[in-house]
Amino acid sequence: MIYYEFLKSELILTEKFVNSCSLEYRDIRILKIIYLNSLNEMYLTLSDIIEIKDLGSRATIHRGLYRMRRANVIDFFCKADSYKVKYLKPANEALNYFNKLEQNLRVKRKN
């Protein structure tokens, strides 16, 4: 029952986040991949994301990344050794979303 409650509240939080940032649900899948890799400081490049075939065509992924960047959900950055390669990391808006999900899980587990 706890898992059901968490999934239900995750759905509500995600819907609010998607609507407030004018995103699509595919963008959330991309954002989760970027976020999970950033936790270990294994930042993905723009090319890495575009090569994931399960996310859609290259153009669709590009549009999603553009949408997420415009909504301040992701940031691009370059490492000192190469200014040509763009790495992706979640921006504050996305980090707040994932923190809310984590807090929500903690509350549900205590009950």
PDB file of N, CA and C in Angstrom:
ATOM      1  N   MET A   1       0.810  -1.191   0.000  1.00  0.00           N
ATOM      2  CA  MET A   1       0.000   0.000   0.000  1.00  0.00           C
ATOM      3  C   MET A   1       0.859   1.264   0.000  1.00  0.00           C
ATOM      4  N   ILE A   2       2.015   1.221   0.660  1.00  0.00           N
ATOM      5  CA  ILE A   2       2.900   2.375   0.697  1.00  0.00           C
ATOM      6  C   ILE A   2       3.381   2.704  -0.707  1.00  0.00           C
ATOM      7  N   TYR A   3       3.709   1.684  -1.469  1.00  0.00           N
ATOM      8  CA  TYR A   3       4.196   1.892  -2.826  1.00  0.00           C
ATOM      9  C   TYR A   3       3.115   2.539  -3.688  1.00  0.00           C
ATOM     10  N   TYR A   4       1.889   2.108  -3.530  1.00  0.00           N
ATOM     11  CA  TYR A   4       0.774   2.687  -4.274  1.00  0.00           C
ATOM     12  C   TYR A   4       0.640   4.174  -3.964  1.00  0.00           C
ATOM     13  N   GLU A   5       0.703   4.514  -2.678  1.00  0.00           N
ATOM     14  CA  GLU A   5       0.579   5.917  -2.270  1.00  0.00           C
ATOM     15  C   GLU A   5       1.723   6.754  -2.830  1.00  0.00           C
ATOM     16  N   PHE A   6       2.925   6.185  -2.810  1.00  0.00           N
ATOM     17  CA  PHE A   6       4.068   6.918  -3.374  1.00  0.00           C
ATOM     18  C   PHE A   6       3.882   7.147  -4.868  1.00  0.00           C
ATOM     19  N   LEU A   7       3.481   6.113  -5.600  1.00  0.00           N
ATOM     20  CA  LEU A   7       3.285   6.263  -7.042  1.00  0.00           C
ATOM     21  C   LEU A   7       2.204   7.285  -7.359  1.00  0.00           C
ATOM     22  N   LYS A   8       1.164   7.264  -6.581  1.00  0.00           N
ATOM     23  CA  LYS A   8       0.073   8.208  -6.782  1.00  0.00           C
ATOM     24  C   LYS A   8       0.561   9.642  -6.563  1.00  0.00           C
ATOM     25  N   SER A   9       1.287   9.862  -5.490  1.00  0.00           N
ATOM     26  CA  SER A   9       1.792  11.210  -5.217  1.00  0.00           C
ATOM     27  C   SER A   9       2.897  11.605  -6.197  1.00  0.00           C
ATOM     28  N   GLU A  10       3.685  10.628  -6.655  1.00  0.00           N
ATOM     29  CA  GLU A  10       4.704  10.920  -7.674  1.00  0.00           C
ATOM     30  C   GLU A  10       4.035  11.403  -8.962  1.00  0.00           C
ATOM     31  N   LEU A  11       2.951  10.767  -9.309  1.00  0.00           N
ATOM     32  CA  LEU A  11       2.210  11.161 -10.508  1.00  0.00           C
ATOM     33  C   LEU A  11       1.702  12.600 -10.394  1.00  0.00           C
ATOM     34  N   ILE A  12       1.199  12.952  -9.248  1.00  0.00           N
ATOM     35  CA  ILE A  12       0.696  14.312  -9.026  1.00  0.00           C
ATOM     36  C   ILE A  12       1.841  15.319  -9.086  1.00  0.00           C
ATOM     37  N   LEU A  13       2.947  15.030  -8.406  1.00  0.00           N
ATOM     38  CA  LEU A  13       4.101  15.931  -8.438  1.00  0.00           C
ATOM     39  C   LEU A  13       4.651  16.086  -9.857  1.00  0.00           C
ATOM     40  N   THR A  14       4.736  14.982 -10.576  1.00  0.00           N
ATOM     41  CA  THR A  14       5.258  15.020 -11.937  1.00  0.00           C
ATOM     42  C   THR A  14       4.348  15.825 -12.851  1.00  0.00           C
ATOM     43  N   GLU A  15       3.053  15.634 -12.693  1.00  0.00           N
ATOM     44  CA  GLU A  15       2.104  16.385 -13.524  1.00  0.00           C
ATOM     45  C   GLU A  15       2.224  17.889 -13.263  1.00  0.00           C
ATOM     46  N   LYS A  16       2.352  18.273 -12.008  1.00  0.00           N
ATOM     47  CA  LYS A  16       2.528  19.690 -11.674  1.00  0.00           C
ATOM     48  C   LYS A  16       3.828  20.232 -12.266  1.00  0.00           C
ATOM     49  N   PHE A  17       4.892  19.441 -12.164  1.00  0.00           N
ATOM     50  CA  PHE A  17       6.194  19.856 -12.679  1.00  0.00           C
ATOM     51  C   PHE A  17       6.159  20.005 -14.197  1.00  0.00           C
ATOM     52  N   VAL A  18       5.576  19.029 -14.877  1.00  0.00           N
ATOM     53  CA  VAL A  18       5.474  19.063 -16.342  1.00  0.00           C
ATOM     54  C   VAL A  18       4.674  20.285 -16.785  1.00  0.00           C
ATOM     55  N   ASN A  19       3.548  20.537 -16.133  1.00  0.00           N
ATOM     56  CA  ASN A  19       2.702  21.674 -16.503  1.00  0.00           C
ATOM     57  C   ASN A  19       3.363  23.010 -16.193  1.00  0.00           C
ATOM     58  N   SER A  20       4.018  23.117 -15.049  1.00  0.00           N
ATOM     59  CA  SER A  20       4.626  24.395 -14.666  1.00  0.00           C
ATOM     60  C   SER A  20       5.824  24.750 -15.546  1.00  0.00           C
ATOM     61  N   CYS A  21       6.508  23.736 -16.073  1.00  0.00           N
ATOM     62  CA  CYS A  21       7.689  23.980 -16.916  1.00  0.00           C
ATOM     63  C   CYS A  21       7.394  23.838 -18.406  1.00  0.00           C
ATOM     64  N   SER A  22       6.156  23.548 -18.756  1.00  0.00           N
ATOM     65  CA  SER A  22       5.763  23.335 -20.161  1.00  0.00           C
ATOM     66  C   SER A  22       6.606  22.250 -20.830  1.00  0.00           C
ATOM     67  N   LEU A  23       6.713  21.121 -20.151  1.00  0.00           N
ATOM     68  CA  LEU A  23       7.478  19.991 -20.659  1.00  0.00           C
ATOM     69  C   LEU A  23       6.544  18.911 -21.173  1.00  0.00           C
ATOM     70  N   GLU A  24       7.139  17.874 -21.759  1.00  0.00           N
ATOM     71  CA  GLU A  24       6.407  16.676 -22.141  1.00  0.00           C
ATOM     72  C   GLU A  24       6.896  15.538 -21.249  1.00  0.00           C
ATOM     73  N   TYR A  25       6.130  14.474 -21.186  1.00  0.00           N
ATOM     74  CA  TYR A  25       6.519  13.357 -20.324  1.00  0.00           C
ATOM     75  C   TYR A  25       7.798  12.678 -20.808  1.00  0.00           C
ATOM     76  N   ARG A  26       8.076  12.717 -22.099  1.00  0.00           N
ATOM     77  CA  ARG A  26       9.337  12.188 -22.617  1.00  0.00           C
ATOM     78  C   ARG A  26      10.510  12.966 -22.041  1.00  0.00           C
ATOM     79  N   ASP A  27      10.311  14.259 -21.842  1.00  0.00           N
ATOM     80  CA  ASP A  27      11.353  15.098 -21.255  1.00  0.00           C
ATOM     81  C   ASP A  27      11.705  14.631 -19.845  1.00  0.00           C
ATOM     82  N   ILE A  28      10.707  14.163 -19.111  1.00  0.00           N
ATOM     83  CA  ILE A  28      10.949  13.656 -17.754  1.00  0.00           C
ATOM     84  C   ILE A  28      11.837  12.419 -17.811  1.00  0.00           C
ATOM     85  N   ARG A  29      11.612  11.544 -18.781  1.00  0.00           N
ATOM     86  CA  ARG A  29      12.478  10.364 -18.941  1.00  0.00           C
ATOM     87  C   ARG A  29      13.913  10.787 -19.189  1.00  0.00           C
ATOM     88  N   ILE A  30      14.107  11.770 -20.059  1.00  0.00           N
ATOM     89  CA  ILE A  30      15.451  12.275 -20.350  1.00  0.00           C
ATOM     90  C   ILE A  30      16.047  12.906 -19.098  1.00  0.00           C
ATOM     91  N   LEU A  31      15.249  13.692 -18.391  1.00  0.00           N
ATOM     92  CA  LEU A  31      15.720  14.359 -17.180  1.00  0.00           C
ATOM     93  C   LEU A  31      16.146  13.353 -16.116  1.00  0.00           C
ATOM     94  N   LYS A  32      15.392  12.277 -15.968  1.00  0.00           N
ATOM     95  CA  LYS A  32      15.764  11.241 -14.992  1.00  0.00           C
ATOM     96  C   LYS A  32      17.112  10.619 -15.330  1.00  0.00           C
ATOM     97  N   ILE A  33      17.367  10.383 -16.602  1.00  0.00           N
ATOM     98  CA  ILE A  33      18.657   9.826 -17.024  1.00  0.00           C
ATOM     99  C   ILE A  33      19.779  10.802 -16.701  1.00  0.00           C
ATOM    100  N   ILE A  34      19.562  12.074 -17.002  1.00  0.00           N
ATOM    101  CA  ILE A  34      20.573  13.094 -16.716  1.00  0.00           C
ATOM    102  C   ILE A  34      20.811  13.189 -15.211  1.00  0.00           C
ATOM    103  N   TYR A  35      19.741  13.182 -14.446  1.00  0.00           N
ATOM    104  CA  TYR A  35      19.848  13.301 -12.987  1.00  0.00           C
ATOM    105  C   TYR A  35      20.585  12.109 -12.376  1.00  0.00           C
ATOM    106  N   LEU A  36      20.200  10.914 -12.742  1.00  0.00           N
ATOM    107  CA  LEU A  36      20.827   9.720 -12.164  1.00  0.00           C
ATOM    108  C   LEU A  36      22.326   9.669 -12.457  1.00  0.00           C
ATOM    109  N   ASN A  37      22.713  10.054 -13.647  1.00  0.00           N
ATOM    110  CA  ASN A  37      24.145  10.063 -13.975  1.00  0.00           C
ATOM    111  C   ASN A  37      24.885  11.177 -13.251  1.00  0.00           C
ATOM    112  N   SER A  38      24.224  12.287 -13.004  1.00  0.00           N
ATOM    113  CA  SER A  38      24.883  13.398 -12.322  1.00  0.00           C
ATOM    114  C   SER A  38      25.135  13.100 -10.846  1.00  0.00           C
ATOM    115  N   LEU A  39      24.365  12.193 -10.262  1.00  0.00           N
ATOM    116  CA  LEU A  39      24.566  11.852  -8.849  1.00  0.00           C
ATOM    117  C   LEU A  39      25.959  11.303  -8.603  1.00  0.00           C
ATOM    118  N   ASN A  40      26.506  10.601  -9.587  1.00  0.00           N
ATOM    119  CA  ASN A  40      27.852  10.043  -9.480  1.00  0.00           C
ATOM    120  C   ASN A  40      28.879  10.892 -10.207  1.00  0.00           C
ATOM    121  N   GLU A  41      28.462  12.118 -10.578  1.00  0.00           N
ATOM    122  CA  GLU A  41      29.301  13.033 -11.345  1.00  0.00           C
ATOM    123  C   GLU A  41      29.789  12.403 -12.646  1.00  0.00           C
ATOM    124  N   MET A  42      28.956  11.546 -13.225  1.00  0.00           N
ATOM    125  CA  MET A  42      29.221  10.951 -14.531  1.00  0.00           C
ATOM    126  C   MET A  42      28.306  11.662 -15.526  1.00  0.00           C
ATOM    127  N   TYR A  43      28.620  12.923 -15.777  1.00  0.00           N
ATOM    128  CA  TYR A  43      27.759  13.743 -16.614  1.00  0.00           C
ATOM    129  C   TYR A  43      27.750  13.238 -18.044  1.00  0.00           C
ATOM    130  N   LEU A  44      26.555  13.203 -18.619  1.00  0.00           N
ATOM    131  CA  LEU A  44      26.386  12.765 -19.999  1.00  0.00           C
ATOM    132  C   LEU A  44      26.578  13.959 -20.928  1.00  0.00           C
ATOM    133  N   THR A  45      27.001  13.655 -22.136  1.00  0.00           N
ATOM    134  CA  THR A  45      27.118  14.704 -23.137  1.00  0.00           C
ATOM    135  C   THR A  45      25.827  14.781 -23.935  1.00  0.00           C
ATOM    136  N   LEU A  46      25.709  15.822 -24.686  1.00  0.00           N
ATOM    137  CA  LEU A  46      24.578  15.988 -25.583  1.00  0.00           C
ATOM    138  C   LEU A  46      24.493  14.794 -26.528  1.00  0.00           C
ATOM    139  N   SER A  47      25.629  14.357 -27.040  1.00  0.00           N
ATOM    140  CA  SER A  47      25.676  13.215 -27.961  1.00  0.00           C
ATOM    141  C   SER A  47      25.227  11.921 -27.285  1.00  0.00           C
ATOM    142  N   ASP A  48      25.607  11.744 -26.024  1.00  0.00           N
ATOM    143  CA  ASP A  48      25.204  10.530 -25.290  1.00  0.00           C
ATOM    144  C   ASP A  48      23.683  10.410 -25.227  1.00  0.00           C
ATOM    145  N   ILE A  49      23.015  11.505 -24.920  1.00  0.00           N
ATOM    146  CA  ILE A  49      21.557  11.496 -24.808  1.00  0.00           C
ATOM    147  C   ILE A  49      20.914  11.249 -26.159  1.00  0.00           C
ATOM    148  N   ILE A  50      21.413  11.909 -27.180  1.00  0.00           N
ATOM    149  CA  ILE A  50      20.825  11.786 -28.515  1.00  0.00           C
ATOM    150  C   ILE A  50      20.953  10.364 -29.047  1.00  0.00           C
ATOM    151  N   GLU A  51      21.961   9.637 -28.627  1.00  0.00           N
ATOM    152  CA  GLU A  51      22.181   8.270 -29.104  1.00  0.00           C
ATOM    153  C   GLU A  51      21.274   7.237 -28.446  1.00  0.00           C
ATOM    154  N   ILE A  52      20.531   7.600 -27.416  1.00  0.00           N
ATOM    155  CA  ILE A  52      19.632   6.652 -26.751  1.00  0.00           C
ATOM    156  C   ILE A  52      18.386   6.513 -27.612  1.00  0.00           C
ATOM    157  N   LYS A  53      18.282   5.431 -28.300  1.00  0.00           N
ATOM    158  CA  LYS A  53      17.220   5.231 -29.290  1.00  0.00           C
ATOM    159  C   LYS A  53      15.826   5.093 -28.676  1.00  0.00           C
ATOM    160  N   ASP A  54      15.730   4.636 -27.441  1.00  0.00           N
ATOM    161  CA  ASP A  54      14.427   4.458 -26.781  1.00  0.00           C
ATOM    162  C   ASP A  54      13.705   5.775 -26.508  1.00  0.00           C
ATOM    163  N   LEU A  55      14.415   6.880 -26.607  1.00  0.00           N
ATOM    164  CA  LEU A  55      13.824   8.172 -26.285  1.00  0.00           C
ATOM    165  C   LEU A  55      13.170   8.860 -27.476  1.00  0.00           C
ATOM    166  N   GLY A  56      13.357   8.316 -28.660  1.00  0.00           N
ATOM    167  CA  GLY A  56      12.765   8.912 -29.856  1.00  0.00           C
ATOM    168  C   GLY A  56      13.827   9.292 -30.874  1.00  0.00           C
ATOM    169  N   SER A  57      13.404  10.020 -31.871  1.00  0.00           N
ATOM    170  CA  SER A  57      14.335  10.418 -32.925  1.00  0.00           C
ATOM    171  C   SER A  57      15.284  11.499 -32.405  1.00  0.00           C
ATOM    172  N   ARG A  58      16.339  11.721 -33.138  1.00  0.00           N
ATOM    173  CA  ARG A  58      17.318  12.736 -32.755  1.00  0.00           C
ATOM    174  C   ARG A  58      16.666  14.115 -32.658  1.00  0.00           C
ATOM    175  N   ALA A  59      15.797  14.421 -33.622  1.00  0.00           N
ATOM    176  CA  ALA A  59      15.127  15.724 -33.633  1.00  0.00           C
ATOM    177  C   ALA A  59      14.199  15.876 -32.430  1.00  0.00           C
ATOM    178  N   THR A  60      13.494  14.814 -32.073  1.00  0.00           N
ATOM    179  CA  THR A  60      12.581  14.848 -30.929  1.00  0.00           C
ATOM    180  C   THR A  60      13.362  15.074 -29.637  1.00  0.00           C
ATOM    181  N   ILE A  61      14.471  14.391 -29.500  1.00  0.00           N
ATOM    182  CA  ILE A  61      15.305  14.547 -28.303  1.00  0.00           C
ATOM    183  C   ILE A  61      15.873  15.965 -28.241  1.00  0.00           C
ATOM    184  N   HIS A  62      16.338  16.468 -29.379  1.00  0.00           N
ATOM    185  CA  HIS A  62      16.866  17.835 -29.440  1.00  0.00           C
ATOM    186  C   HIS A  62      15.816  18.856 -29.007  1.00  0.00           C
ATOM    187  N   ARG A  63      14.585  18.686 -29.496  1.00  0.00           N
ATOM    188  CA  ARG A  63      13.502  19.593 -29.111  1.00  0.00           C
ATOM    189  C   ARG A  63      13.251  19.530 -27.603  1.00  0.00           C
ATOM    190  N   GLY A  64      13.283  18.315 -27.063  1.00  0.00           N
ATOM    191  CA  GLY A  64      13.084  18.154 -25.624  1.00  0.00           C
ATOM    192  C   GLY A  64      14.180  18.824 -24.809  1.00  0.00           C
ATOM    193  N   LEU A  65      15.417  18.664 -25.243  1.00  0.00           N
ATOM    194  CA  LEU A  65      16.535  19.296 -24.544  1.00  0.00           C
ATOM    195  C   LEU A  65      16.427  20.819 -24.625  1.00  0.00           C
ATOM    196  N   TYR A  66      16.034  21.301 -25.793  1.00  0.00           N
ATOM    197  CA  TYR A  66      15.844  22.747 -25.960  1.00  0.00           C
ATOM    198  C   TYR A  66      14.742  23.244 -25.031  1.00  0.00           C
ATOM    199  N   ARG A  67      13.648  22.505 -24.961  1.00  0.00           N
ATOM    200  CA  ARG A  67      12.517  22.857 -24.098  1.00  0.00           C
ATOM    201  C   ARG A  67      12.956  22.865 -22.628  1.00  0.00           C
ATOM    202  N   MET A  68      13.718  21.853 -22.232  1.00  0.00           N
ATOM    203  CA  MET A  68      14.162  21.765 -20.843  1.00  0.00           C
ATOM    204  C   MET A  68      15.140  22.886 -20.486  1.00  0.00           C
ATOM    205  N   ARG A  69      15.995  23.225 -21.424  1.00  0.00           N
ATOM    206  CA  ARG A  69      16.941  24.305 -21.159  1.00  0.00           C
ATOM    207  C   ARG A  69      16.208  25.642 -21.067  1.00  0.00           C
ATOM    208  N   ARG A  70      15.256  25.861 -21.940  1.00  0.00           N
ATOM    209  CA  ARG A  70      14.472  27.093 -21.929  1.00  0.00           C
ATOM    210  C   ARG A  70      13.675  27.220 -20.621  1.00  0.00           C
ATOM    211  N   ALA A  71      13.250  26.088 -20.057  1.00  0.00           N
ATOM    212  CA  ALA A  71      12.487  26.078 -18.805  1.00  0.00           C
ATOM    213  C   ALA A  71      13.400  26.068 -17.573  1.00  0.00           C
ATOM    214  N   ASN A  72      14.701  26.191 -17.774  1.00  0.00           N
ATOM    215  CA  ASN A  72      15.694  26.169 -16.680  1.00  0.00           C
ATOM    216  C   ASN A  72      15.654  24.876 -15.878  1.00  0.00           C
ATOM    217  N   VAL A  73      15.468  23.765 -16.587  1.00  0.00           N
ATOM    218  CA  VAL A  73      15.442  22.452 -15.945  1.00  0.00           C
ATOM    219  C   VAL A  73      16.798  21.770 -16.082  1.00  0.00           C
ATOM    220  N   ILE A  74      17.507  22.041 -17.167  1.00  0.00           N
ATOM    221  CA  ILE A  74      18.856  21.498 -17.355  1.00  0.00           C
ATOM    222  C   ILE A  74      19.804  22.635 -17.708  1.00  0.00           C
ATOM    223  N   ASP A  75      21.080  22.378 -17.471  1.00  0.00           N
ATOM    224  CA  ASP A  75      22.145  23.303 -17.852  1.00  0.00           C
ATOM    225  C   ASP A  75      23.161  22.559 -18.699  1.00  0.00           C
ATOM    226  N   PHE A  76      23.760  23.271 -19.626  1.00  0.00           N
ATOM    227  CA  PHE A  76      24.892  22.758 -20.392  1.00  0.00           C
ATOM    228  C   PHE A  76      26.152  23.358 -19.781  1.00  0.00           C
ATOM    229  N   PHE A  77      27.221  22.578 -19.760  1.00  0.00           N
ATOM    230  CA  PHE A  77      28.487  23.132 -19.311  1.00  0.00           C
ATOM    231  C   PHE A  77      29.618  22.423 -20.042  1.00  0.00           C
ATOM    232  N   CYS A  78      30.773  23.051 -20.058  1.00  0.00           N
ATOM    233  CA  CYS A  78      31.967  22.487 -20.695  1.00  0.00           C
ATOM    234  C   CYS A  78      33.003  22.237 -19.615  1.00  0.00           C
ATOM    235  N   LYS A  79      33.779  21.200 -19.804  1.00  0.00           N
ATOM    236  CA  LYS A  79      34.881  20.937 -18.885  1.00  0.00           C
ATOM    237  C   LYS A  79      36.104  21.695 -19.382  1.00  0.00           C
ATOM    238  N   ALA A  80      37.044  21.906 -18.515  1.00  0.00           N
ATOM    239  CA  ALA A  80      38.209  22.725 -18.838  1.00  0.00           C
ATOM    240  C   ALA A  80      39.039  22.153 -19.986  1.00  0.00           C
ATOM    241  N   ASP A  81      39.057  20.836 -20.128  1.00  0.00           N
ATOM    242  CA  ASP A  81      39.914  20.226 -21.152  1.00  0.00           C
ATOM    243  C   ASP A  81      39.321  20.306 -22.559  1.00  0.00           C
ATOM    244  N   SER A  82      38.036  20.532 -22.691  1.00  0.00           N
ATOM    245  CA  SER A  82      37.421  20.598 -24.015  1.00  0.00           C
ATOM    246  C   SER A  82      36.207  21.513 -23.991  1.00  0.00           C
ATOM    247  N   TYR A  83      36.279  22.564 -24.752  1.00  0.00           N
ATOM    248  CA  TYR A  83      35.164  23.500 -24.812  1.00  0.00           C
ATOM    249  C   TYR A  83      34.167  23.149 -25.907  1.00  0.00           C
ATOM    250  N   LYS A  84      34.464  22.134 -26.689  1.00  0.00           N
ATOM    251  CA  LYS A  84      33.559  21.729 -27.765  1.00  0.00           C
ATOM    252  C   LYS A  84      32.472  20.781 -27.272  1.00  0.00           C
ATOM    253  N   VAL A  85      32.777  20.007 -26.266  1.00  0.00           N
ATOM    254  CA  VAL A  85      31.849  19.003 -25.756  1.00  0.00           C
ATOM    255  C   VAL A  85      30.945  19.642 -24.703  1.00  0.00           C
ATOM    256  N   LYS A  86      29.636  19.508 -24.906  1.00  0.00           N
ATOM    257  CA  LYS A  86      28.665  20.051 -23.951  1.00  0.00           C
ATOM    258  C   LYS A  86      28.140  18.921 -23.064  1.00  0.00           C
ATOM    259  N   TYR A  87      28.287  19.112 -21.762  1.00  0.00           N
ATOM    260  CA  TYR A  87      27.783  18.164 -20.780  1.00  0.00           C
ATOM    261  C   TYR A  87      26.461  18.681 -20.224  1.00  0.00           C
ATOM    262  N   LEU A  88      25.662  17.756 -19.724  1.00  0.00           N
ATOM    263  CA  LEU A  88      24.332  18.102 -19.214  1.00  0.00           C
ATOM    264  C   LEU A  88      24.259  17.837 -17.717  1.00  0.00           C
ATOM    265  N   LYS A  89      23.605  18.754 -17.023  1.00  0.00           N
ATOM    266  CA  LYS A  89      23.351  18.534 -15.600  1.00  0.00           C
ATOM    267  C   LYS A  89      21.996  19.131 -15.263  1.00  0.00           C
ATOM    268  N   PRO A  90      21.338  18.600 -14.245  1.00  0.00           N
ATOM    269  CA  PRO A  90      20.041  19.151 -13.848  1.00  0.00           C
ATOM    270  C   PRO A  90      20.236  20.534 -13.218  1.00  0.00           C
ATOM    271  N   ALA A  91      19.354  21.444 -13.542  1.00  0.00           N
ATOM    272  CA  ALA A  91      19.386  22.784 -12.953  1.00  0.00           C
ATOM    273  C   ALA A  91      18.582  22.785 -11.658  1.00  0.00           C
ATOM    274  N   ASN A  92      18.540  23.917 -10.988  1.00  0.00           N
ATOM    275  CA  ASN A  92      17.874  24.009  -9.685  1.00  0.00           C
ATOM    276  C   ASN A  92      16.410  23.592  -9.727  1.00  0.00           C
ATOM    277  N   GLU A  93      15.718  23.956 -10.791  1.00  0.00           N
ATOM    278  CA  GLU A  93      14.296  23.600 -10.919  1.00  0.00           C
ATOM    279  C   GLU A  93      14.117  22.071 -10.868  1.00  0.00           C
ATOM    280  N   ALA A  94      14.982  21.350 -11.577  1.00  0.00           N
ATOM    281  CA  ALA A  94      14.913  19.886 -11.597  1.00  0.00           C
ATOM    282  C   ALA A  94      15.347  19.304 -10.249  1.00  0.00           C
ATOM    283  N   LEU A  95      16.365  19.887  -9.647  1.00  0.00           N
ATOM    284  CA  LEU A  95      16.820  19.388  -8.351  1.00  0.00           C
ATOM    285  C   LEU A  95      15.728  19.554  -7.295  1.00  0.00           C
ATOM    286  N   ASN A  96      14.990  20.643  -7.367  1.00  0.00           N
ATOM    287  CA  ASN A  96      13.860  20.835  -6.443  1.00  0.00           C
ATOM    288  C   ASN A  96      12.797  19.760  -6.651  1.00  0.00           C
ATOM    289  N   TYR A  97      12.519  19.433  -7.903  1.00  0.00           N
ATOM    290  CA  TYR A  97      11.543  18.378  -8.220  1.00  0.00           C
ATOM    291  C   TYR A  97      11.980  17.033  -7.638  1.00  0.00           C
ATOM    292  N   PHE A  98      13.241  16.670  -7.834  1.00  0.00           N
ATOM    293  CA  PHE A  98      13.724  15.383  -7.325  1.00  0.00           C
ATOM    294  C   PHE A  98      13.789  15.377  -5.796  1.00  0.00           C
ATOM    295  N   ASN A  99      14.083  16.519  -5.197  1.00  0.00           N
ATOM    296  CA  ASN A  99      14.067  16.601  -3.732  1.00  0.00           C
ATOM    297  C   ASN A  99      12.660  16.396  -3.182  1.00  0.00           C
ATOM    298  N   LYS A 100      11.667  16.968  -3.855  1.00  0.00           N
ATOM    299  CA  LYS A 100      10.272  16.765  -3.434  1.00  0.00           C
ATOM    300  C   LYS A 100       9.891  15.292  -3.534  1.00  0.00           C
ATOM    301  N   LEU A 101      10.321  14.632  -4.610  1.00  0.00           N
ATOM    302  CA  LEU A 101      10.033  13.198  -4.744  1.00  0.00           C
ATOM    303  C   LEU A 101      10.678  12.402  -3.618  1.00  0.00           C
ATOM    304  N   GLU A 102      11.910  12.755  -3.287  1.00  0.00           N
ATOM    305  CA  GLU A 102      12.619  12.043  -2.222  1.00  0.00           C
ATOM    306  C   GLU A 102      11.950  12.275  -0.866  1.00  0.00           C
ATOM    307  N   GLN A 103      11.572  13.500  -0.588  1.00  0.00           N
ATOM    308  CA  GLN A 103      10.872  13.800   0.671  1.00  0.00           C
ATOM    309  C   GLN A 103       9.543  13.063   0.742  1.00  0.00           C
ATOM    310  N   ASN A 104       8.869  13.000  -0.372  1.00  0.00           N
ATOM    311  CA  ASN A 104       7.597  12.310  -0.444  1.00  0.00           C
ATOM    312  C   ASN A 104       7.758  10.814  -0.131  1.00  0.00           C
ATOM    313  N   LEU A 105       8.804  10.228  -0.640  1.00  0.00           N
ATOM    314  CA  LEU A 105       9.076   8.819  -0.368  1.00  0.00           C
ATOM    315  C   LEU A 105       9.365   8.604   1.104  1.00  0.00           C
ATOM    316  N   ARG A 106      10.122   9.502   1.708  1.00  0.00           N
ATOM    317  CA  ARG A 106      10.433   9.378   3.133  1.00  0.00           C
ATOM    318  C   ARG A 106       9.176   9.463   3.988  1.00  0.00           C
ATOM    319  N   VAL A 107       8.290  10.384   3.649  1.00  0.00           N
ATOM    320  CA  VAL A 107       7.041  10.544   4.402  1.00  0.00           C
ATOM    321  C   VAL A 107       6.191   9.281   4.269  1.00  0.00           C
ATOM    322  N   LYS A 108       6.099   8.737   3.073  1.00  0.00           N
ATOM    323  CA  LYS A 108       5.282   7.545   2.860  1.00  0.00           C
ATOM    324  C   LYS A 108       5.858   6.334   3.595  1.00  0.00           C
ATOM    325  N   ARG A 109       7.190   6.255   3.676  1.00  0.00           N
ATOM    326  CA  ARG A 109       7.809   5.113   4.353  1.00  0.00           C
ATOM    327  C   ARG A 109       7.584   5.172   5.846  1.00  0.00           C
ATOM    328  N   LYS A 110       7.525   6.358   6.425  1.00  0.00           N
ATOM    329  CA  LYS A 110       7.319   6.510   7.866  1.00  0.00           C
ATOM    330  C   LYS A 110       5.904   6.111   8.265  1.00  0.00           C
ATOM    331  N   ASN A 111       4.963   6.351   7.366  1.00  0.00           N
ATOM    332  CA  ASN A 111       3.557   6.029   7.673  1.00  0.00           C
ATOM    333  C   ASN A 111       3.394   4.565   7.557  1.00  0.00           C
TER     334      ASN A 111
END
